Amino acid sequence: MALKNEQSKPWYLSKTLWLQVFAIIAIIVPKSAEFIQEYFAEAGIGWALLNMLLRLISKDKLEISSESTFKAILLPLLLVGMSACSLMKDDEEGGSAGGYPDPSRVCTEVTEENKEQLALDYGRSCKVGDFLSKGAPSCSSSLDKCMKKVY
Protein backbone atom coordinates (compact mmCIF):
# COMPACT_ATOMS: atom_id res chain seq x y z
CA MET A 1 0.00 0.00 0.00
CA ALA A 2 1.64 3.21 -1.13
CA LEU A 3 1.36 6.39 0.87
CA LYS A 4 -0.01 9.44 -0.91
CA ASN A 5 1.94 12.70 -0.84
CA GLU A 6 4.99 10.98 0.57
CA GLN A 7 7.49 13.61 1.67
CA SER A 8 10.98 13.19 2.96
CA LYS A 9 13.05 15.13 5.46
CA PRO A 10 16.72 15.06 6.45
CA TRP A 11 17.52 12.46 9.12
CA TYR A 12 18.68 15.08 11.62
CA LEU A 13 15.16 16.53 11.79
CA SER A 14 13.72 13.25 13.06
CA LYS A 15 12.38 13.57 16.61
CA THR A 16 12.21 9.80 16.92
CA LEU A 17 15.87 9.42 16.02
CA TRP A 18 16.90 12.05 18.56
CA LEU A 19 14.79 10.35 21.25
CA GLN A 20 16.76 7.14 20.62
CA VAL A 21 20.08 9.02 20.81
CA PHE A 22 18.95 10.61 24.07
CA ALA A 23 18.02 7.17 25.46
CA ILE A 24 21.46 5.77 24.58
CA ILE A 25 23.18 8.70 26.27
CA ALA A 26 20.95 8.33 29.34
CA ILE A 27 21.96 4.67 29.64
CA ILE A 28 25.66 5.53 29.35
CA VAL A 29 25.75 8.38 31.91
CA PRO A 30 26.22 6.68 35.31
CA LYS A 31 23.75 8.79 37.35
CA SER A 32 20.89 8.43 34.89
CA ALA A 33 21.77 4.74 34.34
CA GLU A 34 21.32 4.17 38.10
CA PHE A 35 17.91 5.87 37.92
CA ILE A 36 16.90 3.80 34.89
CA GLN A 37 17.95 0.59 36.65
CA GLU A 38 16.04 1.53 39.79
CA TYR A 39 12.88 2.51 37.90
CA PHE A 40 13.31 0.13 34.96
CA ALA A 41 9.60 -0.60 34.38
CA GLU A 42 8.59 3.05 34.59
CA ALA A 43 11.46 4.17 32.32
CA GLY A 44 10.57 1.48 29.78
CA ILE A 45 6.89 2.44 29.77
CA GLY A 46 7.77 6.12 29.38
CA TRP A 47 10.15 5.39 26.53
CA ALA A 48 7.57 3.20 24.77
CA LEU A 49 4.87 5.86 25.15
CA LEU A 50 7.14 8.58 23.76
CA ASN A 51 8.03 6.36 20.80
CA MET A 52 4.35 5.65 20.12
CA LEU A 53 3.47 9.34 20.33
CA LEU A 54 6.27 10.30 17.94
CA ARG A 55 5.25 7.54 15.56
CA LEU A 56 1.69 8.87 15.50
CA ILE A 57 2.79 12.38 14.58
CA SER A 58 5.54 11.33 12.14
CA LYS A 59 4.44 11.55 8.55
CA ASP A 60 7.60 12.03 6.53
CA LYS A 61 10.13 9.41 5.62
CA LEU A 62 13.78 10.07 6.40
CA GLU A 63 16.23 10.98 3.69
CA ILE A 64 19.71 9.53 4.00
CA SER A 65 21.24 10.04 0.62
CA SER A 66 24.68 11.54 0.75
CA GLU A 67 28.05 10.23 1.90
CA SER A 68 28.44 13.19 4.25
CA THR A 69 25.16 12.28 5.95
CA PHE A 70 26.45 8.74 6.46
CA LYS A 71 29.63 10.13 8.03
CA ALA A 72 27.56 12.40 10.24
CA ILE A 73 25.71 9.33 11.55
CA LEU A 74 28.68 6.95 11.77
CA LEU A 75 31.07 9.25 13.64
CA PRO A 76 28.69 10.05 16.53
CA LEU A 77 27.74 6.38 16.83
CA LEU A 78 31.40 5.40 17.09
CA LEU A 79 32.03 8.08 19.70
CA VAL A 80 29.01 6.98 21.74
CA GLY A 81 30.15 3.36 21.49
CA MET A 82 33.66 4.20 22.65
CA SER A 83 32.26 6.26 25.52
CA ALA A 84 30.04 3.38 26.54
CA CYS A 85 32.99 1.00 26.58
CA SER A 86 35.07 3.29 28.78
CA LEU A 87 32.22 4.09 31.19
CA MET A 88 30.93 0.58 31.50
CA LYS A 89 34.18 -1.23 32.26
CA ASP A 90 33.61 -4.26 34.38
CA ASP A 91 35.91 -6.31 36.57
CA GLU A 92 38.20 -7.44 33.74
CA GLU A 93 41.15 -5.69 35.36
CA GLY A 94 40.01 -6.21 38.93
CA GLY A 95 38.19 -2.91 39.01
CA SER A 96 34.59 -1.86 39.02
CA ALA A 97 32.93 0.74 36.82
CA GLY A 98 34.23 3.45 39.15
CA GLY A 99 37.82 2.28 38.69
CA TYR A 100 38.16 0.94 42.23
CA PRO A 101 38.43 -2.76 43.08
CA ASP A 102 35.77 -4.34 45.24
CA PRO A 103 37.41 -4.66 48.70
CA SER A 104 35.85 -8.09 49.26
CA ARG A 105 37.57 -9.36 46.11
CA VAL A 106 41.10 -8.13 46.78
CA CYS A 107 43.66 -10.82 47.57
CA THR A 108 46.42 -9.56 49.86
CA GLU A 109 49.75 -11.29 50.38
CA VAL A 110 50.55 -11.94 54.03
CA THR A 111 53.91 -10.47 55.08
CA GLU A 112 55.63 -10.15 58.44
CA GLU A 113 54.63 -6.47 58.50
CA ASN A 114 50.91 -6.96 57.82
CA LYS A 115 50.30 -10.42 59.34
CA GLU A 116 48.82 -9.20 62.63
CA GLN A 117 46.71 -6.46 61.05
CA LEU A 118 45.31 -8.85 58.42
CA ALA A 119 44.41 -11.35 61.15
CA LEU A 120 42.47 -8.59 62.91
CA ASP A 121 40.84 -7.25 59.72
CA TYR A 122 39.98 -10.59 58.10
CA GLY A 123 39.26 -12.65 61.22
CA ARG A 124 41.73 -15.41 60.39
CA SER A 125 45.46 -15.87 60.44
CA CYS A 126 47.59 -17.20 57.59
CA LYS A 127 51.28 -17.94 57.27
CA VAL A 128 53.66 -15.46 55.64
CA GLY A 129 53.56 -15.84 51.85
CA ASP A 130 49.89 -16.92 51.72
CA PHE A 131 47.15 -14.79 50.16
CA LEU A 132 44.00 -13.74 51.95
CA SER A 133 40.75 -12.04 50.98
CA LYS A 134 37.51 -11.16 52.75
CA GLY A 135 35.72 -12.81 49.85
CA ALA A 136 37.67 -16.07 50.10
CA PRO A 137 36.80 -18.65 52.78
CA SER A 138 40.39 -19.64 53.60
CA CYS A 139 44.07 -18.85 53.07
CA SER A 140 45.58 -19.57 49.65
CA SER A 141 49.13 -20.52 48.74
CA SER A 142 49.10 -18.42 45.54
CA LEU A 143 47.43 -15.35 44.12
CA ASP A 144 45.75 -17.43 41.40
CA LYS A 145 44.21 -19.79 43.95
CA CYS A 146 43.00 -16.85 46.04
CA MET A 147 41.42 -15.19 43.01
CA LYS A 148 39.68 -18.45 42.04
CA LYS A 149 38.14 -18.62 45.53
CA VAL A 150 37.00 -15.01 45.34
CA TYR A 151 35.59 -15.19 41.82
C-alpha atoms as a PDB file:
ATOM      1  CA  MET A   1       0.000   0.000   0.000  1.00  0.00           C
ATOM      2  CA  ALA A   2       1.640   3.214  -1.132  1.00  0.00           C
ATOM      3  CA  LEU A   3       1.358   6.391   0.865  1.00  0.00           C
ATOM      4  CA  LYS A   4      -0.011   9.435  -0.909  1.00  0.00           C
ATOM      5  CA  ASN A   5       1.937  12.696  -0.839  1.00  0.00           C
ATOM      6  CA  GLU A   6       4.993  10.975   0.574  1.00  0.00           C
ATOM      7  CA  GLN A   7       7.490  13.611   1.666  1.00  0.00           C
ATOM      8  CA  SER A   8      10.983  13.188   2.958  1.00  0.00           C
ATOM      9  CA  LYS A   9      13.051  15.126   5.462  1.00  0.00           C
ATOM     10  CA  PRO A  10      16.718  15.056   6.453  1.00  0.00           C
ATOM     11  CA  TRP A  11      17.517  12.457   9.119  1.00  0.00           C
ATOM     12  CA  TYR A  12      18.676  15.082  11.618  1.00  0.00           C
ATOM     13  CA  LEU A  13      15.156  16.535  11.788  1.00  0.00           C
ATOM     14  CA  SER A  14      13.718  13.252  13.060  1.00  0.00           C
ATOM     15  CA  LYS A  15      12.379  13.573  16.607  1.00  0.00           C
ATOM     16  CA  THR A  16      12.208   9.795  16.920  1.00  0.00           C
ATOM     17  CA  LEU A  17      15.874   9.417  16.019  1.00  0.00           C
ATOM     18  CA  TRP A  18      16.904  12.051  18.564  1.00  0.00           C
ATOM     19  CA  LEU A  19      14.794  10.353  21.245  1.00  0.00           C
ATOM     20  CA  GLN A  20      16.763   7.142  20.616  1.00  0.00           C
ATOM     21  CA  VAL A  21      20.079   9.023  20.810  1.00  0.00           C
ATOM     22  CA  PHE A  22      18.953  10.613  24.075  1.00  0.00           C
ATOM     23  CA  ALA A  23      18.017   7.173  25.465  1.00  0.00           C
ATOM     24  CA  ILE A  24      21.460   5.770  24.580  1.00  0.00           C
ATOM     25  CA  ILE A  25      23.182   8.703  26.273  1.00  0.00           C
ATOM     26  CA  ALA A  26      20.950   8.332  29.340  1.00  0.00           C
ATOM     27  CA  ILE A  27      21.955   4.672  29.644  1.00  0.00           C
ATOM     28  CA  ILE A  28      25.660   5.534  29.347  1.00  0.00           C
ATOM     29  CA  VAL A  29      25.748   8.376  31.909  1.00  0.00           C
ATOM     30  CA  PRO A  30      26.225   6.680  35.311  1.00  0.00           C
ATOM     31  CA  LYS A  31      23.753   8.788  37.347  1.00  0.00           C
ATOM     32  CA  SER A  32      20.886   8.426  34.886  1.00  0.00           C
ATOM     33  CA  ALA A  33      21.768   4.740  34.340  1.00  0.00           C
ATOM     34  CA  GLU A  34      21.319   4.167  38.098  1.00  0.00           C
ATOM     35  CA  PHE A  35      17.913   5.874  37.916  1.00  0.00           C
ATOM     36  CA  ILE A  36      16.897   3.801  34.886  1.00  0.00           C
ATOM     37  CA  GLN A  37      17.946   0.588  36.649  1.00  0.00           C
ATOM     38  CA  GLU A  38      16.040   1.535  39.794  1.00  0.00           C
ATOM     39  CA  TYR A  39      12.883   2.511  37.903  1.00  0.00           C
ATOM     40  CA  PHE A  40      13.305   0.134  34.955  1.00  0.00           C
ATOM     41  CA  ALA A  41       9.604  -0.601  34.377  1.00  0.00           C
ATOM     42  CA  GLU A  42       8.588   3.051  34.591  1.00  0.00           C
ATOM     43  CA  ALA A  43      11.455   4.168  32.321  1.00  0.00           C
ATOM     44  CA  GLY A  44      10.566   1.475  29.778  1.00  0.00           C
ATOM     45  CA  ILE A  45       6.893   2.437  29.768  1.00  0.00           C
ATOM     46  CA  GLY A  46       7.774   6.122  29.384  1.00  0.00           C
ATOM     47  CA  TRP A  47      10.153   5.386  26.534  1.00  0.00           C
ATOM     48  CA  ALA A  48       7.571   3.203  24.766  1.00  0.00           C
ATOM     49  CA  LEU A  49       4.872   5.862  25.154  1.00  0.00           C
ATOM     50  CA  LEU A  50       7.144   8.583  23.760  1.00  0.00           C
ATOM     51  CA  ASN A  51       8.033   6.363  20.796  1.00  0.00           C
ATOM     52  CA  MET A  52       4.352   5.646  20.118  1.00  0.00           C
ATOM     53  CA  LEU A  53       3.466   9.337  20.333  1.00  0.00           C
ATOM     54  CA  LEU A  54       6.270  10.305  17.945  1.00  0.00           C
ATOM     55  CA  ARG A  55       5.246   7.540  15.564  1.00  0.00           C
ATOM     56  CA  LEU A  56       1.690   8.871  15.498  1.00  0.00           C
ATOM     57  CA  ILE A  57       2.787  12.382  14.584  1.00  0.00           C
ATOM     58  CA  SER A  58       5.543  11.330  12.140  1.00  0.00           C
ATOM     59  CA  LYS A  59       4.443  11.548   8.547  1.00  0.00           C
ATOM     60  CA  ASP A  60       7.599  12.034   6.526  1.00  0.00           C
ATOM     61  CA  LYS A  61      10.125   9.406   5.624  1.00  0.00           C
ATOM     62  CA  LEU A  62      13.776  10.066   6.399  1.00  0.00           C
ATOM     63  CA  GLU A  63      16.231  10.977   3.692  1.00  0.00           C
ATOM     64  CA  ILE A  64      19.710   9.528   4.004  1.00  0.00           C
ATOM     65  CA  SER A  65      21.238  10.037   0.617  1.00  0.00           C
ATOM     66  CA  SER A  66      24.685  11.537   0.746  1.00  0.00           C
ATOM     67  CA  GLU A  67      28.052  10.229   1.902  1.00  0.00           C
ATOM     68  CA  SER A  68      28.436  13.192   4.245  1.00  0.00           C
ATOM     69  CA  THR A  69      25.157  12.283   5.953  1.00  0.00           C
ATOM     70  CA  PHE A  70      26.449   8.743   6.464  1.00  0.00           C
ATOM     71  CA  LYS A  71      29.630  10.125   8.025  1.00  0.00           C
ATOM     72  CA  ALA A  72      27.555  12.398  10.239  1.00  0.00           C
ATOM     73  CA  ILE A  73      25.714   9.328  11.548  1.00  0.00           C
ATOM     74  CA  LEU A  74      28.675   6.950  11.772  1.00  0.00           C
ATOM     75  CA  LEU A  75      31.066   9.245  13.644  1.00  0.00           C
ATOM     76  CA  PRO A  76      28.687  10.053  16.525  1.00  0.00           C
ATOM     77  CA  LEU A  77      27.742   6.376  16.829  1.00  0.00           C
ATOM     78  CA  LEU A  78      31.402   5.401  17.087  1.00  0.00           C
ATOM     79  CA  LEU A  79      32.025   8.083  19.695  1.00  0.00           C
ATOM     80  CA  VAL A  80      29.014   6.984  21.743  1.00  0.00           C
ATOM     81  CA  GLY A  81      30.151   3.362  21.492  1.00  0.00           C
ATOM     82  CA  MET A  82      33.665   4.203  22.649  1.00  0.00           C
ATOM     83  CA  SER A  83      32.265   6.260  25.520  1.00  0.00           C
ATOM     84  CA  ALA A  84      30.043   3.375  26.544  1.00  0.00           C
ATOM     85  CA  CYS A  85      32.993   1.003  26.585  1.00  0.00           C
ATOM     86  CA  SER A  86      35.068   3.291  28.779  1.00  0.00           C
ATOM     87  CA  LEU A  87      32.223   4.094  31.188  1.00  0.00           C
ATOM     88  CA  MET A  88      30.930   0.575  31.503  1.00  0.00           C
ATOM     89  CA  LYS A  89      34.182  -1.235  32.256  1.00  0.00           C
ATOM     90  CA  ASP A  90      33.614  -4.259  34.381  1.00  0.00           C
ATOM     91  CA  ASP A  91      35.906  -6.307  36.569  1.00  0.00           C
ATOM     92  CA  GLU A  92      38.201  -7.437  33.742  1.00  0.00           C
ATOM     93  CA  GLU A  93      41.153  -5.689  35.363  1.00  0.00           C
ATOM     94  CA  GLY A  94      40.014  -6.214  38.926  1.00  0.00           C
ATOM     95  CA  GLY A  95      38.194  -2.906  39.013  1.00  0.00           C
ATOM     96  CA  SER A  96      34.591  -1.863  39.019  1.00  0.00           C
ATOM     97  CA  ALA A  97      32.932   0.740  36.822  1.00  0.00           C
ATOM     98  CA  GLY A  98      34.227   3.447  39.153  1.00  0.00           C
ATOM     99  CA  GLY A  99      37.817   2.277  38.688  1.00  0.00           C
ATOM    100  CA  TYR A 100      38.162   0.936  42.233  1.00  0.00           C
ATOM    101  CA  PRO A 101      38.432  -2.762  43.083  1.00  0.00           C
ATOM    102  CA  ASP A 102      35.769  -4.341  45.244  1.00  0.00           C
ATOM    103  CA  PRO A 103      37.410  -4.664  48.700  1.00  0.00           C
ATOM    104  CA  SER A 104      35.847  -8.085  49.264  1.00  0.00           C
ATOM    105  CA  ARG A 105      37.570  -9.357  46.109  1.00  0.00           C
ATOM    106  CA  VAL A 106      41.102  -8.135  46.783  1.00  0.00           C
ATOM    107  CA  CYS A 107      43.662 -10.818  47.568  1.00  0.00           C
ATOM    108  CA  THR A 108      46.419  -9.560  49.856  1.00  0.00           C
ATOM    109  CA  GLU A 109      49.750 -11.291  50.379  1.00  0.00           C
ATOM    110  CA  VAL A 110      50.547 -11.939  54.026  1.00  0.00           C
ATOM    111  CA  THR A 111      53.913 -10.475  55.077  1.00  0.00           C
ATOM    112  CA  GLU A 112      55.632 -10.146  58.444  1.00  0.00           C
ATOM    113  CA  GLU A 113      54.630  -6.474  58.501  1.00  0.00           C
ATOM    114  CA  ASN A 114      50.912  -6.958  57.823  1.00  0.00           C
ATOM    115  CA  LYS A 115      50.300 -10.422  59.337  1.00  0.00           C
ATOM    116  CA  GLU A 116      48.824  -9.195  62.634  1.00  0.00           C
ATOM    117  CA  GLN A 117      46.709  -6.464  61.049  1.00  0.00           C
ATOM    118  CA  LEU A 118      45.311  -8.850  58.420  1.00  0.00           C
ATOM    119  CA  ALA A 119      44.413 -11.345  61.152  1.00  0.00           C
ATOM    120  CA  LEU A 120      42.465  -8.592  62.915  1.00  0.00           C
ATOM    121  CA  ASP A 121      40.844  -7.254  59.715  1.00  0.00           C
ATOM    122  CA  TYR A 122      39.983 -10.594  58.103  1.00  0.00           C
ATOM    123  CA  GLY A 123      39.258 -12.650  61.218  1.00  0.00           C
ATOM    124  CA  ARG A 124      41.726 -15.415  60.387  1.00  0.00           C
ATOM    125  CA  SER A 125      45.464 -15.868  60.437  1.00  0.00           C
ATOM    126  CA  CYS A 126      47.586 -17.195  57.587  1.00  0.00           C
ATOM    127  CA  LYS A 127      51.279 -17.941  57.270  1.00  0.00           C
ATOM    128  CA  VAL A 128      53.658 -15.464  55.641  1.00  0.00           C
ATOM    129  CA  GLY A 129      53.560 -15.845  51.846  1.00  0.00           C
ATOM    130  CA  ASP A 130      49.893 -16.917  51.717  1.00  0.00           C
ATOM    131  CA  PHE A 131      47.151 -14.790  50.164  1.00  0.00           C
ATOM    132  CA  LEU A 132      44.001 -13.738  51.950  1.00  0.00           C
ATOM    133  CA  SER A 133      40.746 -12.039  50.979  1.00  0.00           C
ATOM    134  CA  LYS A 134      37.506 -11.161  52.752  1.00  0.00           C
ATOM    135  CA  GLY A 135      35.719 -12.808  49.845  1.00  0.00           C
ATOM    136  CA  ALA A 136      37.670 -16.073  50.097  1.00  0.00           C
ATOM    137  CA  PRO A 137      36.799 -18.651  52.780  1.00  0.00           C
ATOM    138  CA  SER A 138      40.388 -19.639  53.598  1.00  0.00           C
ATOM    139  CA  CYS A 139      44.072 -18.852  53.069  1.00  0.00           C
ATOM    140  CA  SER A 140      45.581 -19.574  49.653  1.00  0.00           C
ATOM    141  CA  SER A 141      49.126 -20.521  48.745  1.00  0.00           C
ATOM    142  CA  SER A 142      49.102 -18.420  45.542  1.00  0.00           C
ATOM    143  CA  LEU A 143      47.428 -15.348  44.121  1.00  0.00           C
ATOM    144  CA  ASP A 144      45.752 -17.429  41.398  1.00  0.00           C
ATOM    145  CA  LYS A 145      44.212 -19.787  43.950  1.00  0.00           C
ATOM    146  CA  CYS A 146      42.999 -16.851  46.038  1.00  0.00           C
ATOM    147  CA  MET A 147      41.421 -15.189  43.006  1.00  0.00           C
ATOM    148  CA  LYS A 148      39.681 -18.454  42.044  1.00  0.00           C
ATOM    149  CA  LYS A 149      38.145 -18.621  45.526  1.00  0.00           C
ATOM    150  CA  VAL A 150      37.004 -15.011  45.340  1.00  0.00           C
ATOM    151  CA  TYR A 151      35.588 -15.189  41.818  1.00  0.00           C
END
